[in-house]
């Protein structure tokens, strides 16, 4: 079920709050048609949420919030089960949600956090008690993610000189919003160049639209123009988010990111990557599943076929940028050379040790 809203820019960017948990389901802002329509897709079950994520109703960091809301629906669905059976239903729903987008570890980490706080640590609960516990754990995880994004934004903004022209690729979601807000607080003026990001045009529709909402007038280029744009001096910095960063510094992000990094190296432009934290469970690139989507998707743009009949599509949704092409990886703890990401966790441990 969908519903459409009209509305213009103003206040907080629309994509900053694109998932709504309601008493009878979850509503997800349909990023496939935004900003031309503000259409919300209603999910009545956790399975509906999983299907919405798979079908790209929500993208980038949106699936994290959809997944935590989906776990709440799973708890509601298990309300009538005894504790043991309810716990297993919740775990099964978690596995289903994690499988929707295997390259990005945000869903995995959110599901693990919710399960650890509700059924994998404490004695299993059931009924309304389980629902309340999952709702609280989901809300904590969402709030912690937003807090970490704000910290990451401050560290990223510190790297950007006043007046910097920033080239983006795809849609960095909460990280980009936080970076822009932090740069403003620091009194820095920024300009933006956005790749269109085929086949879903996230850069054209999501990044550019959000920057316009925030008062900027970004320049749009096609994906194939990155090298030419940097050669022409159109940008001073390349800045992307990452779906995952391995412990040895490989950056996994929307396909095309590797091309941006190569062009940045060729024209001596810093290449910065934003991620909440490197993935402890991925020592190297061999530990990351690169999602392969249906090649038919690249034969269409916004629902319209753009390739001749008889054409075959190929669509690795992500690529991997090796650490030697990365200037800095920016996390919630600070900015690090890609080969020194263990320092992120060393600083985390230092913060956990009481002084005195």
C-alpha atoms as a PDB file:
ATOM      1  CA  UNK A   1       0.000   0.000   0.000  1.00  0.00           C
ATOM      2  CA  UNK A   2       1.277   3.492  -0.801  1.00  0.00           C
ATOM      3  CA  UNK A   3       0.209   7.011  -0.039  1.00  0.00           C
ATOM      4  CA  UNK A   4       1.437  10.222  -1.611  1.00  0.00           C
ATOM      5  CA  UNK A   5       2.092  13.529   0.090  1.00  0.00           C
ATOM      6  CA  UNK A   6       2.827  16.896  -1.411  1.00  0.00           C
ATOM      7  CA  UNK A   7       5.248  19.243   0.212  1.00  0.00           C
ATOM      8  CA  UNK A   8       8.186  21.480  -0.448  1.00  0.00           C
ATOM      9  CA  UNK A   9      11.558  22.016   1.153  1.00  0.00           C
ATOM     10  CA  UNK A  10      11.996  23.578   4.537  1.00  0.00           C
ATOM     11  CA  UNK A  11      13.308  22.634   7.939  1.00  0.00           C
ATOM     12  CA  UNK A  12      15.051  19.311   8.355  1.00  0.00           C
ATOM     13  CA  UNK A  13      15.770  17.499   5.064  1.00  0.00           C
ATOM     14  CA  UNK A  14      13.010  15.027   4.215  1.00  0.00           C
ATOM     15  CA  UNK A  15      15.417  12.113   3.815  1.00  0.00           C
ATOM     16  CA  UNK A  16      16.730  12.589   7.356  1.00  0.00           C
ATOM     17  CA  UNK A  17      13.516  11.012   8.658  1.00  0.00           C
ATOM     18  CA  UNK A  18      12.333   8.586   5.999  1.00  0.00           C
ATOM     19  CA  UNK A  19      10.996   5.700   8.112  1.00  0.00           C
ATOM     20  CA  UNK A  20       7.958   5.961  10.383  1.00  0.00           C
ATOM     21  CA  UNK A  21       6.950   3.331  12.896  1.00  0.00           C
ATOM     22  CA  UNK A  22       3.168   3.456  13.389  1.00  0.00           C
ATOM     23  CA  UNK A  23       0.797   1.536  15.680  1.00  0.00           C
ATOM     24  CA  UNK A  24      -0.122  -0.805  12.825  1.00  0.00           C
ATOM     25  CA  UNK A  25       2.977  -0.952  10.629  1.00  0.00           C
ATOM     26  CA  UNK A  26       5.927   0.903   9.136  1.00  0.00           C
ATOM     27  CA  UNK A  27       5.836   3.658   6.533  1.00  0.00           C
ATOM     28  CA  UNK A  28       8.918   4.096   4.315  1.00  0.00           C
ATOM     29  CA  UNK A  29       9.508   7.091   2.069  1.00  0.00           C
ATOM     30  CA  UNK A  30       9.874   5.710  -1.456  1.00  0.00           C
ATOM     31  CA  UNK A  31      13.307   6.866  -2.593  1.00  0.00           C
ATOM     32  CA  UNK A  32      12.715   5.409  -6.064  1.00  0.00           C
ATOM     33  CA  UNK A  33      10.437   8.344  -6.919  1.00  0.00           C
ATOM     34  CA  UNK A  34      11.701  11.063  -4.566  1.00  0.00           C
ATOM     35  CA  UNK A  35      11.867  14.085  -4.987  1.00  0.00           C
ATOM     36  CA  UNK A  36       9.282  14.088  -7.773  1.00  0.00           C
ATOM     37  CA  UNK A  37       6.782  12.406  -5.451  1.00  0.00           C
ATOM     38  CA  UNK A  38       6.689  12.085  -1.682  1.00  0.00           C
ATOM     39  CA  UNK A  39       5.190   8.635  -1.619  1.00  0.00           C
ATOM     40  CA  UNK A  40       5.177   6.455   1.470  1.00  0.00           C
ATOM     41  CA  UNK A  41       5.074   2.675   1.221  1.00  0.00           C
ATOM     42  CA  UNK A  42       3.206   1.046   4.107  1.00  0.00           C
ATOM     43  CA  UNK A  43       4.555  -2.250   5.444  1.00  0.00           C
ATOM     44  CA  UNK A  44       2.227  -4.267   7.670  1.00  0.00           C
ATOM     45  CA  UNK A  45       4.701  -7.069   8.469  1.00  0.00           C
ATOM     46  CA  UNK A  46       8.411  -7.594   8.893  1.00  0.00           C
ATOM     47  CA  UNK A  47       8.385  -9.508   5.604  1.00  0.00           C
ATOM     48  CA  UNK A  48       6.874  -6.457   3.902  1.00  0.00           C
ATOM     49  CA  UNK A  49       9.805  -4.423   5.229  1.00  0.00           C
ATOM     50  CA  UNK A  50      12.306  -6.968   3.894  1.00  0.00           C
ATOM     51  CA  UNK A  51      10.699  -6.875   0.446  1.00  0.00           C
ATOM     52  CA  UNK A  52      10.691  -3.059   0.459  1.00  0.00           C
ATOM     53  CA  UNK A  53      14.422  -3.022   1.212  1.00  0.00           C
ATOM     54  CA  UNK A  54      15.124  -5.546  -1.551  1.00  0.00           C
ATOM     55  CA  UNK A  55      13.088  -3.541  -4.051  1.00  0.00           C
ATOM     56  CA  UNK A  56      15.080  -0.371  -3.299  1.00  0.00           C
ATOM     57  CA  UNK A  57      12.169   1.512  -1.736  1.00  0.00           C
ATOM     58  CA  UNK A  58      14.792   2.706   0.731  1.00  0.00           C
ATOM     59  CA  UNK A  59      18.530   2.986   0.070  1.00  0.00           C
ATOM     60  CA  UNK A  60      21.838   3.970   1.635  1.00  0.00           C
ATOM     61  CA  UNK A  61      21.280   4.210   5.408  1.00  0.00           C
ATOM     62  CA  UNK A  62      17.489   4.062   5.111  1.00  0.00           C
ATOM     63  CA  UNK A  63      17.523   0.238   5.344  1.00  0.00           C
ATOM     64  CA  UNK A  64      19.050   0.485   8.833  1.00  0.00           C
ATOM     65  CA  UNK A  65      16.037   2.380  10.162  1.00  0.00           C
ATOM     66  CA  UNK A  66      13.654   0.195   8.168  1.00  0.00           C
ATOM     67  CA  UNK A  67      15.271  -2.908   9.656  1.00  0.00           C
ATOM     68  CA  UNK A  68      15.004  -1.726  13.266  1.00  0.00           C
ATOM     69  CA  UNK A  69      11.347  -0.893  12.629  1.00  0.00           C
ATOM     70  CA  UNK A  70      10.940  -4.286  10.955  1.00  0.00           C
ATOM     71  CA  UNK A  71      12.215  -5.972  14.118  1.00  0.00           C
ATOM     72  CA  UNK A  72       9.521  -4.160  16.077  1.00  0.00           C
ATOM     73  CA  UNK A  73       6.917  -5.556  13.673  1.00  0.00           C
ATOM     74  CA  UNK A  74       8.430  -9.012  14.123  1.00  0.00           C
ATOM     75  CA  UNK A  75       8.030  -8.702  17.895  1.00  0.00           C
ATOM     76  CA  UNK A  76       4.405  -7.639  17.442  1.00  0.00           C
ATOM     77  CA  UNK A  77       3.826 -10.633  15.169  1.00  0.00           C
ATOM     78  CA  UNK A  78       5.258 -12.933  17.854  1.00  0.00           C
ATOM     79  CA  UNK A  79       3.170 -11.375  20.627  1.00  0.00           C
ATOM     80  CA  UNK A  80       0.985 -14.468  21.085  1.00  0.00           C
ATOM     81  CA  UNK A  81       3.857 -16.984  21.168  1.00  0.00           C
ATOM     82  CA  UNK A  82       5.525 -18.442  24.289  1.00  0.00           C
ATOM     83  CA  UNK A  83       8.964 -16.982  25.107  1.00  0.00           C
ATOM     84  CA  UNK A  84      11.119 -19.578  23.333  1.00  0.00           C
ATOM     85  CA  UNK A  85       9.079 -19.605  20.149  1.00  0.00           C
ATOM     86  CA  UNK A  86       8.791 -15.812  20.156  1.00  0.00           C
ATOM     87  CA  UNK A  87      12.553 -15.509  20.450  1.00  0.00           C
ATOM     88  CA  UNK A  88      13.121 -17.824  17.495  1.00  0.00           C
ATOM     89  CA  UNK A  89      10.597 -15.939  15.368  1.00  0.00           C
ATOM     90  CA  UNK A  90      12.431 -12.723  16.159  1.00  0.00           C
ATOM     91  CA  UNK A  91      15.776 -14.281  15.196  1.00  0.00           C
ATOM     92  CA  UNK A  92      14.301 -15.619  11.951  1.00  0.00           C
ATOM     93  CA  UNK A  93      12.973 -12.185  11.052  1.00  0.00           C
ATOM     94  CA  UNK A  94      16.392 -10.749  11.812  1.00  0.00           C
ATOM     95  CA  UNK A  95      18.077 -13.237   9.471  1.00  0.00           C
ATOM     96  CA  UNK A  96      15.612 -12.343   6.735  1.00  0.00           C
ATOM     97  CA  UNK A  97      16.290  -8.617   7.123  1.00  0.00           C
ATOM     98  CA  UNK A  98      20.074  -9.082   7.132  1.00  0.00           C
ATOM     99  CA  UNK A  99      19.875 -11.072   3.897  1.00  0.00           C
ATOM    100  CA  UNK A 100      18.148  -8.232   2.018  1.00  0.00           C
ATOM    101  CA  UNK A 101      21.329  -6.173   1.426  1.00  0.00           C
ATOM    102  CA  UNK A 102      24.367  -8.308   2.314  1.00  0.00           C
ATOM    103  CA  UNK A 103      27.125  -5.832   1.431  1.00  0.00           C
ATOM    104  CA  UNK A 104      26.222  -3.124   3.942  1.00  0.00           C
ATOM    105  CA  UNK A 105      26.747  -4.246   7.551  1.00  0.00           C
ATOM    106  CA  UNK A 106      24.412  -1.668   9.115  1.00  0.00           C
ATOM    107  CA  UNK A 107      21.405  -4.006   9.065  1.00  0.00           C
ATOM    108  CA  UNK A 108      23.450  -6.875  10.503  1.00  0.00           C
ATOM    109  CA  UNK A 109      24.763  -4.725  13.343  1.00  0.00           C
ATOM    110  CA  UNK A 110      21.303  -3.323  14.126  1.00  0.00           C
ATOM    111  CA  UNK A 111      19.700  -6.762  14.231  1.00  0.00           C
ATOM    112  CA  UNK A 112      22.486  -8.144  16.422  1.00  0.00           C
ATOM    113  CA  UNK A 113      22.156  -5.230  18.852  1.00  0.00           C
ATOM    114  CA  UNK A 114      18.395  -5.689  19.164  1.00  0.00           C
ATOM    115  CA  UNK A 115      18.659  -9.450  19.647  1.00  0.00           C
ATOM    116  CA  UNK A 116      21.433  -9.059  22.216  1.00  0.00           C
ATOM    117  CA  UNK A 117      19.312  -6.640  24.240  1.00  0.00           C
ATOM    118  CA  UNK A 118      16.125  -8.708  24.105  1.00  0.00           C
ATOM    119  CA  UNK A 119      16.384 -12.461  23.514  1.00  0.00           C
ATOM    120  CA  UNK A 120      20.055 -13.442  23.235  1.00  0.00           C
ATOM    121  CA  UNK A 121      21.148 -12.048  26.581  1.00  0.00           C
ATOM    122  CA  UNK A 122      18.318 -11.574  29.080  1.00  0.00           C
ATOM    123  CA  UNK A 123      15.846 -14.364  29.840  1.00  0.00           C
ATOM    124  CA  UNK A 124      13.469 -14.568  26.847  1.00  0.00           C
ATOM    125  CA  UNK A 125      10.352 -12.451  27.167  1.00  0.00           C
ATOM    126  CA  UNK A 126       7.073 -12.689  25.299  1.00  0.00           C
ATOM    127  CA  UNK A 127       3.912 -10.749  24.594  1.00  0.00           C
ATOM    128  CA  UNK A 128       3.782  -7.047  25.298  1.00  0.00           C
ATOM    129  CA  UNK A 129       6.978  -7.273  27.345  1.00  0.00           C
ATOM    130  CA  UNK A 130       8.938  -8.473  24.299  1.00  0.00           C
ATOM    131  CA  UNK A 131       7.393  -5.800  22.075  1.00  0.00           C
ATOM    132  CA  UNK A 132       8.330  -3.069  24.555  1.00  0.00           C
ATOM    133  CA  UNK A 133      11.870  -4.409  24.877  1.00  0.00           C
ATOM    134  CA  UNK A 134      12.388  -4.526  21.104  1.00  0.00           C
ATOM    135  CA  UNK A 135      10.911  -1.049  20.654  1.00  0.00           C
ATOM    136  CA  UNK A 136      13.307   0.321  23.278  1.00  0.00           C
ATOM    137  CA  UNK A 137      16.331  -1.469  21.786  1.00  0.00           C
ATOM    138  CA  UNK A 138      15.442  -0.267  18.280  1.00  0.00           C
ATOM    139  CA  UNK A 139      15.051   3.322  19.484  1.00  0.00           C
ATOM    140  CA  UNK A 140      18.409   3.173  21.292  1.00  0.00           C
ATOM    141  CA  UNK A 141      20.164   1.863  18.204  1.00  0.00           C
ATOM    142  CA  UNK A 142      18.607   4.509  15.956  1.00  0.00           C
ATOM    143  CA  UNK A 143      19.541   7.292  18.370  1.00  0.00           C
ATOM    144  CA  UNK A 144      23.102   5.998  18.737  1.00  0.00           C
ATOM    145  CA  UNK A 145      23.498   5.886  14.968  1.00  0.00           C
ATOM    146  CA  UNK A 146      22.352   9.483  14.632  1.00  0.00           C
ATOM    147  CA  UNK A 147      24.711  10.582  17.417  1.00  0.00           C
ATOM    148  CA  UNK A 148      27.646   8.809  15.759  1.00  0.00           C
ATOM    149  CA  UNK A 149      26.741  10.375  12.417  1.00  0.00           C
ATOM    150  CA  UNK A 150      26.927  13.827  13.998  1.00  0.00           C
ATOM    151  CA  UNK A 151      30.389  13.035  15.412  1.00  0.00           C
ATOM    152  CA  UNK A 152      31.502  11.734  12.039  1.00  0.00           C
ATOM    153  CA  UNK A 153      30.176  14.889  10.390  1.00  0.00           C
ATOM    154  CA  UNK A 154      32.247  17.093  12.697  1.00  0.00           C
ATOM    155  CA  UNK A 155      35.436  15.155  11.923  1.00  0.00           C
ATOM    156  CA  UNK A 156      34.712  15.295   8.187  1.00  0.00           C
ATOM    157  CA  UNK A 157      33.932  19.011   8.184  1.00  0.00           C
ATOM    158  CA  UNK A 158      37.275  19.637   9.904  1.00  0.00           C
ATOM    159  CA  UNK A 159      39.042  18.220   6.827  1.00  0.00           C
ATOM    160  CA  UNK A 160      37.244  20.502   4.379  1.00  0.00           C
ATOM    161  CA  UNK A 161      38.772  23.939   3.835  1.00  0.00           C
ATOM    162  CA  UNK A 162      36.548  26.983   3.660  1.00  0.00           C
ATOM    163  CA  UNK A 163      35.302  27.373   0.107  1.00  0.00           C
ATOM    164  CA  UNK A 164      36.012  23.742  -0.818  1.00  0.00           C
ATOM    165  CA  UNK A 165      34.331  22.331  -3.903  1.00  0.00           C
ATOM    166  CA  UNK A 166      33.292  18.822  -2.894  1.00  0.00           C
ATOM    167  CA  UNK A 167      32.604  16.029  -5.370  1.00  0.00           C
ATOM    168  CA  UNK A 168      30.196  13.366  -4.103  1.00  0.00           C
ATOM    169  CA  UNK A 169      29.188   9.956  -5.455  1.00  0.00           C
ATOM    170  CA  UNK A 170      25.833   8.326  -4.756  1.00  0.00           C
ATOM    171  CA  UNK A 171      24.031   9.365  -1.562  1.00  0.00           C
ATOM    172  CA  UNK A 172      25.860   9.634   1.769  1.00  0.00           C
ATOM    173  CA  UNK A 173      22.617  10.115   3.725  1.00  0.00           C
ATOM    174  CA  UNK A 174      22.972  11.053   7.422  1.00  0.00           C
ATOM    175  CA  UNK A 175      26.743  11.392   7.068  1.00  0.00           C
ATOM    176  CA  UNK A 176      26.481  14.092   4.411  1.00  0.00           C
ATOM    177  CA  UNK A 177      23.719  15.953   6.250  1.00  0.00           C
ATOM    178  CA  UNK A 178      25.821  15.934   9.435  1.00  0.00           C
ATOM    179  CA  UNK A 179      28.903  17.116   7.546  1.00  0.00           C
ATOM    180  CA  UNK A 180      27.037  20.030   5.981  1.00  0.00           C
ATOM    181  CA  UNK A 181      25.551  21.027   9.340  1.00  0.00           C
ATOM    182  CA  UNK A 182      28.976  20.861  11.024  1.00  0.00           C
ATOM    183  CA  UNK A 183      30.610  22.898   8.258  1.00  0.00           C
ATOM    184  CA  UNK A 184      27.945  25.567   8.660  1.00  0.00           C
ATOM    185  CA  UNK A 185      28.504  25.750  12.412  1.00  0.00           C
ATOM    186  CA  UNK A 186      32.217  26.197  11.703  1.00  0.00           C
ATOM    187  CA  UNK A 187      31.430  29.068   9.317  1.00  0.00           C
ATOM    188  CA  UNK A 188      32.689  27.208   6.239  1.00  0.00           C
ATOM    189  CA  UNK A 189      31.282  27.787   2.773  1.00  0.00           C
ATOM    190  CA  UNK A 190      31.103  24.684   0.587  1.00  0.00           C
ATOM    191  CA  UNK A 191      30.149  23.951  -2.991  1.00  0.00           C
ATOM    192  CA  UNK A 192      29.092  20.544  -4.302  1.00  0.00           C
ATOM    193  CA  UNK A 193      29.440  18.526  -7.490  1.00  0.00           C
ATOM    194  CA  UNK A 194      27.215  15.427  -7.577  1.00  0.00           C
ATOM    195  CA  UNK A 195      27.466  12.388  -9.831  1.00  0.00           C
ATOM    196  CA  UNK A 196      24.097  11.231 -11.151  1.00  0.00           C
ATOM    197  CA  UNK A 197      24.742   7.623  -9.967  1.00  0.00           C
ATOM    198  CA  UNK A 198      23.066   5.194 -12.328  1.00  0.00           C
ATOM    199  CA  UNK A 199      20.844   3.227 -12.512  1.00  0.00           C
ATOM    200  CA  UNK A 200      18.745   4.673  -9.654  1.00  0.00           C
ATOM    201  CA  UNK A 201      20.153   8.212  -9.919  1.00  0.00           C
ATOM    202  CA  UNK A 202      20.645   8.567  -6.170  1.00  0.00           C
ATOM    203  CA  UNK A 203      23.127  11.388  -6.654  1.00  0.00           C
ATOM    204  CA  UNK A 204      20.782  13.306  -8.925  1.00  0.00           C
ATOM    205  CA  UNK A 205      17.597  12.719  -6.962  1.00  0.00           C
ATOM    206  CA  UNK A 206      18.696  12.231  -3.351  1.00  0.00           C
ATOM    207  CA  UNK A 207      22.030  14.016  -2.850  1.00  0.00           C
ATOM    208  CA  UNK A 208      21.249  16.987  -5.051  1.00  0.00           C
ATOM    209  CA  UNK A 209      17.685  17.320  -3.752  1.00  0.00           C
ATOM    210  CA  UNK A 210      18.832  17.293  -0.125  1.00  0.00           C
ATOM    211  CA  UNK A 211      21.581  19.825  -0.783  1.00  0.00           C
ATOM    212  CA  UNK A 212      19.022  22.091  -2.449  1.00  0.00           C
ATOM    213  CA  UNK A 213      16.779  21.699   0.610  1.00  0.00           C
ATOM    214  CA  UNK A 214      19.739  22.788   2.731  1.00  0.00           C
ATOM    215  CA  UNK A 215      20.305  25.917   0.653  1.00  0.00           C
ATOM    216  CA  UNK A 216      23.000  24.830  -1.810  1.00  0.00           C
ATOM    217  CA  UNK A 217      23.014  24.839  -5.609  1.00  0.00           C
ATOM    218  CA  UNK A 218      24.976  21.727  -6.552  1.00  0.00           C
ATOM    219  CA  UNK A 219      26.441  21.027  -9.965  1.00  0.00           C
ATOM    220  CA  UNK A 220      25.368  17.743 -11.573  1.00  0.00           C
ATOM    221  CA  UNK A 221      27.641  15.550 -13.707  1.00  0.00           C
ATOM    222  CA  UNK A 222      27.108  12.128 -15.227  1.00  0.00           C
ATOM    223  CA  UNK A 223      29.052   9.198 -13.784  1.00  0.00           C
ATOM    224  CA  UNK A 224      31.387   9.171 -16.794  1.00  0.00           C
ATOM    225  CA  UNK A 225      32.443  12.803 -16.274  1.00  0.00           C
ATOM    226  CA  UNK A 226      34.343  12.407 -12.994  1.00  0.00           C
ATOM    227  CA  UNK A 227      37.830  12.292 -14.506  1.00  0.00           C
ATOM    228  CA  UNK A 228      37.073  15.182 -16.843  1.00  0.00           C
ATOM    229  CA  UNK A 229      35.582  17.240 -13.994  1.00  0.00           C
ATOM    230  CA  UNK A 230      38.660  16.745 -11.815  1.00  0.00           C
ATOM    231  CA  UNK A 231      40.949  17.411 -14.774  1.00  0.00           C
ATOM    232  CA  UNK A 232      39.117  20.703 -15.305  1.00  0.00           C
ATOM    233  CA  UNK A 233      39.539  21.624 -11.632  1.00  0.00           C
ATOM    234  CA  UNK A 234      35.811  21.476 -10.916  1.00  0.00           C
ATOM    235  CA  UNK A 235      36.341  19.967  -7.438  1.00  0.00           C
ATOM    236  CA  UNK A 236      39.005  20.184  -4.730  1.00  0.00           C
ATOM    237  CA  UNK A 237      37.936  17.152  -2.677  1.00  0.00           C
ATOM    238  CA  UNK A 238      36.202  13.837  -3.388  1.00  0.00           C
ATOM    239  CA  UNK A 239      33.966  12.731  -0.524  1.00  0.00           C
ATOM    240  CA  UNK A 240      31.940   9.524  -0.338  1.00  0.00           C
ATOM    241  CA  UNK A 241      30.285   7.418   2.305  1.00  0.00           C
ATOM    242  CA  UNK A 242      30.950   3.680   2.443  1.00  0.00           C
ATOM    243  CA  UNK A 243      28.636   0.731   2.846  1.00  0.00           C
ATOM    244  CA  UNK A 244      31.489  -1.112   4.518  1.00  0.00           C
ATOM    245  CA  UNK A 245      35.181  -0.590   5.239  1.00  0.00           C
ATOM    246  CA  UNK A 246      37.335  -3.622   6.027  1.00  0.00           C
ATOM    247  CA  UNK A 247      39.908  -3.641   8.792  1.00  0.00           C
ATOM    248  CA  UNK A 248      42.692  -3.536   6.220  1.00  0.00           C
ATOM    249  CA  UNK A 249      41.205  -0.414   4.618  1.00  0.00           C
ATOM    250  CA  UNK A 250      39.280  -1.589   1.562  1.00  0.00           C
ATOM    251  CA  UNK A 251      36.312   0.685   0.882  1.00  0.00           C
ATOM    252  CA  UNK A 252      33.135  -0.986  -0.375  1.00  0.00           C
ATOM    253  CA  UNK A 253      30.593   1.450  -1.769  1.00  0.00           C
ATOM    254  CA  UNK A 254      28.212   2.077  -4.643  1.00  0.00           C
ATOM    255  CA  UNK A 255      29.729   0.892  -7.926  1.00  0.00           C
ATOM    256  CA  UNK A 256      31.633   3.768  -9.505  1.00  0.00           C
ATOM    257  CA  UNK A 257      33.406   4.722  -6.286  1.00  0.00           C
ATOM    258  CA  UNK A 258      36.584   3.001  -7.474  1.00  0.00           C
ATOM    259  CA  UNK A 259      36.528   5.148 -10.600  1.00  0.00           C
ATOM    260  CA  UNK A 260      36.191   8.290  -8.483  1.00  0.00           C
ATOM    261  CA  UNK A 261      39.165   7.212  -6.351  1.00  0.00           C
ATOM    262  CA  UNK A 262      41.313   6.478  -9.406  1.00  0.00           C
ATOM    263  CA  UNK A 263      40.493   9.850 -10.951  1.00  0.00           C
ATOM    264  CA  UNK A 264      41.180  11.615  -7.641  1.00  0.00           C
ATOM    265  CA  UNK A 265      44.607   9.963  -7.428  1.00  0.00           C
ATOM    266  CA  UNK A 266      45.387  10.863 -11.063  1.00  0.00           C
ATOM    267  CA  UNK A 267      44.623  14.547 -10.490  1.00  0.00           C
ATOM    268  CA  UNK A 268      46.007  14.844  -6.936  1.00  0.00           C
ATOM    269  CA  UNK A 269      42.614  15.401  -5.296  1.00  0.00           C
ATOM    270  CA  UNK A 270      42.107  14.123  -1.712  1.00  0.00           C
ATOM    271  CA  UNK A 271      39.723  11.158  -1.525  1.00  0.00           C
ATOM    272  CA  UNK A 272      37.898  10.966   1.815  1.00  0.00           C
ATOM    273  CA  UNK A 273      35.589   8.167   2.948  1.00  0.00           C
ATOM    274  CA  UNK A 274      32.968   8.369   5.699  1.00  0.00           C
ATOM    275  CA  UNK A 275      31.939   5.348   7.765  1.00  0.00           C
ATOM    276  CA  UNK A 276      30.670   5.068  11.335  1.00  0.00           C
ATOM    277  CA  UNK A 277      33.344   2.439  12.026  1.00  0.00           C
ATOM    278  CA  UNK A 278      35.324  -0.171  10.104  1.00  0.00           C
ATOM    279  CA  UNK A 279      33.807  -3.642  10.280  1.00  0.00           C
ATOM    280  CA  UNK A 280      35.445  -5.781  12.970  1.00  0.00           C
ATOM    281  CA  UNK A 281      34.086  -8.910  11.256  1.00  0.00           C
ATOM    282  CA  UNK A 282      35.688  -8.151   7.878  1.00  0.00           C
ATOM    283  CA  UNK A 283      39.501  -8.352   8.112  1.00  0.00           C
ATOM    284  CA  UNK A 284      39.827  -8.057   4.324  1.00  0.00           C
ATOM    285  CA  UNK A 285      37.877  -7.701   1.119  1.00  0.00           C
ATOM    286  CA  UNK A 286      37.409 -11.481   0.815  1.00  0.00           C
ATOM    287  CA  UNK A 287      35.154 -11.241   3.890  1.00  0.00           C
ATOM    288  CA  UNK A 288      32.627  -8.946   2.152  1.00  0.00           C
ATOM    289  CA  UNK A 289      29.807 -10.202  -0.066  1.00  0.00           C
ATOM    290  CA  UNK A 290      29.507  -7.888  -3.078  1.00  0.00           C
ATOM    291  CA  UNK A 291      25.835  -7.753  -3.971  1.00  0.00           C
ATOM    292  CA  UNK A 292      25.039  -8.580  -7.593  1.00  0.00           C
ATOM    293  CA  UNK A 293      21.698  -7.222  -8.675  1.00  0.00           C
ATOM    294  CA  UNK A 294      19.605  -8.155 -11.676  1.00  0.00           C
ATOM    295  CA  UNK A 295      21.335  -6.833 -14.797  1.00  0.00           C
ATOM    296  CA  UNK A 296      17.949  -5.806 -16.148  1.00  0.00           C
ATOM    297  CA  UNK A 297      18.039  -2.868 -13.718  1.00  0.00           C
ATOM    298  CA  UNK A 298      20.795  -1.101 -15.667  1.00  0.00           C
ATOM    299  CA  UNK A 299      18.681  -1.323 -18.835  1.00  0.00           C
ATOM    300  CA  UNK A 300      16.137   1.048 -17.263  1.00  0.00           C
ATOM    301  CA  UNK A 301      16.140   4.530 -15.723  1.00  0.00           C
ATOM    302  CA  UNK A 302      13.218   5.647 -13.557  1.00  0.00           C
ATOM    303  CA  UNK A 303      11.046   2.847 -14.900  1.00  0.00           C
ATOM    304  CA  UNK A 304      11.763   3.531 -18.583  1.00  0.00           C
ATOM    305  CA  UNK A 305      13.839   1.181 -20.698  1.00  0.00           C
ATOM    306  CA  UNK A 306      16.927   2.894 -22.151  1.00  0.00           C
ATOM    307  CA  UNK A 307      18.654  -0.038 -23.912  1.00  0.00           C
ATOM    308  CA  UNK A 308      17.678  -1.814 -27.097  1.00  0.00           C
ATOM    309  CA  UNK A 309      15.908  -5.149 -26.894  1.00  0.00           C
ATOM    310  CA  UNK A 310      18.409  -7.973 -26.973  1.00  0.00           C
ATOM    311  CA  UNK A 311      20.863  -6.076 -24.748  1.00  0.00           C
ATOM    312  CA  UNK A 312      22.168  -7.809 -21.630  1.00  0.00           C
ATOM    313  CA  UNK A 313      22.833  -5.872 -18.426  1.00  0.00           C
ATOM    314  CA  UNK A 314      25.536  -6.437 -15.812  1.00  0.00           C
ATOM    315  CA  UNK A 315      25.133  -4.925 -12.362  1.00  0.00           C
ATOM    316  CA  UNK A 316      27.574  -5.369  -9.489  1.00  0.00           C
ATOM    317  CA  UNK A 317      25.896  -2.946  -7.080  1.00  0.00           C
ATOM    318  CA  UNK A 318      29.168  -2.166  -5.264  1.00  0.00           C
ATOM    319  CA  UNK A 319      32.885  -2.030  -5.949  1.00  0.00           C
ATOM    320  CA  UNK A 320      35.956  -2.152  -3.722  1.00  0.00           C
ATOM    321  CA  UNK A 321      38.523   0.651  -3.555  1.00  0.00           C
ATOM    322  CA  UNK A 322      41.946  -0.491  -2.282  1.00  0.00           C
ATOM    323  CA  UNK A 323      43.469   1.349   0.671  1.00  0.00           C
ATOM    324  CA  UNK A 324      46.323   2.959  -1.282  1.00  0.00           C
ATOM    325  CA  UNK A 325      43.774   5.118  -3.152  1.00  0.00           C
ATOM    326  CA  UNK A 326      42.174   6.437   0.064  1.00  0.00           C
ATOM    327  CA  UNK A 327      43.487   9.654   1.622  1.00  0.00           C
ATOM    328  CA  UNK A 328      41.587   9.274   4.906  1.00  0.00           C
ATOM    329  CA  UNK A 329      38.777   7.174   6.347  1.00  0.00           C
ATOM    330  CA  UNK A 330      36.672   9.340   8.657  1.00  0.00           C
ATOM    331  CA  UNK A 331      34.850   7.581  11.488  1.00  0.00           C
ATOM    332  CA  UNK A 332      32.972   8.754  14.553  1.00  0.00           C
ATOM    333  CA  UNK A 333      36.358   8.714  16.359  1.00  0.00           C
ATOM    334  CA  UNK A 334      38.363  10.752  13.864  1.00  0.00           C
ATOM    335  CA  UNK A 335      40.180  10.582  10.526  1.00  0.00           C
ATOM    336  CA  UNK A 336      42.684   7.784   9.872  1.00  0.00           C
ATOM    337  CA  UNK A 337      44.921   6.565   7.056  1.00  0.00           C
ATOM    338  CA  UNK A 338      43.238   3.520   5.523  1.00  0.00           C
ATOM    339  CA  UNK A 339      46.080   1.289   6.664  1.00  0.00           C
ATOM    340  CA  UNK A 340      45.752   2.369  10.307  1.00  0.00           C
ATOM    341  CA  UNK A 341      42.088   1.691  11.058  1.00  0.00           C
ATOM    342  CA  UNK A 342      42.949  -0.314  14.176  1.00  0.00           C
ATOM    343  CA  UNK A 343      43.497   3.092  15.780  1.00  0.00           C
ATOM    344  CA  UNK A 344      39.724   3.648  15.655  1.00  0.00           C
ATOM    345  CA  UNK A 345      39.204   0.746  18.037  1.00  0.00           C
ATOM    346  CA  UNK A 346      42.184   1.703  20.188  1.00  0.00           C
ATOM    347  CA  UNK A 347      40.588   5.114  20.747  1.00  0.00           C
ATOM    348  CA  UNK A 348      37.259   3.429  21.469  1.00  0.00           C
ATOM    349  CA  UNK A 349      38.896   1.314  24.166  1.00  0.00           C
ATOM    350  CA  UNK A 350      40.664   4.369  25.584  1.00  0.00           C
ATOM    351  CA  UNK A 351      37.301   6.109  26.005  1.00  0.00           C
ATOM    352  CA  UNK A 352      35.922   3.086  27.819  1.00  0.00           C
ATOM    353  CA  UNK A 353      38.750   3.013  30.419  1.00  0.00           C
ATOM    354  CA  UNK A 354      37.907   5.173  33.454  1.00  0.00           C
ATOM    355  CA  UNK A 355      40.430   7.873  34.241  1.00  0.00           C
ATOM    356  CA  UNK A 356      42.251   7.951  37.538  1.00  0.00           C
END
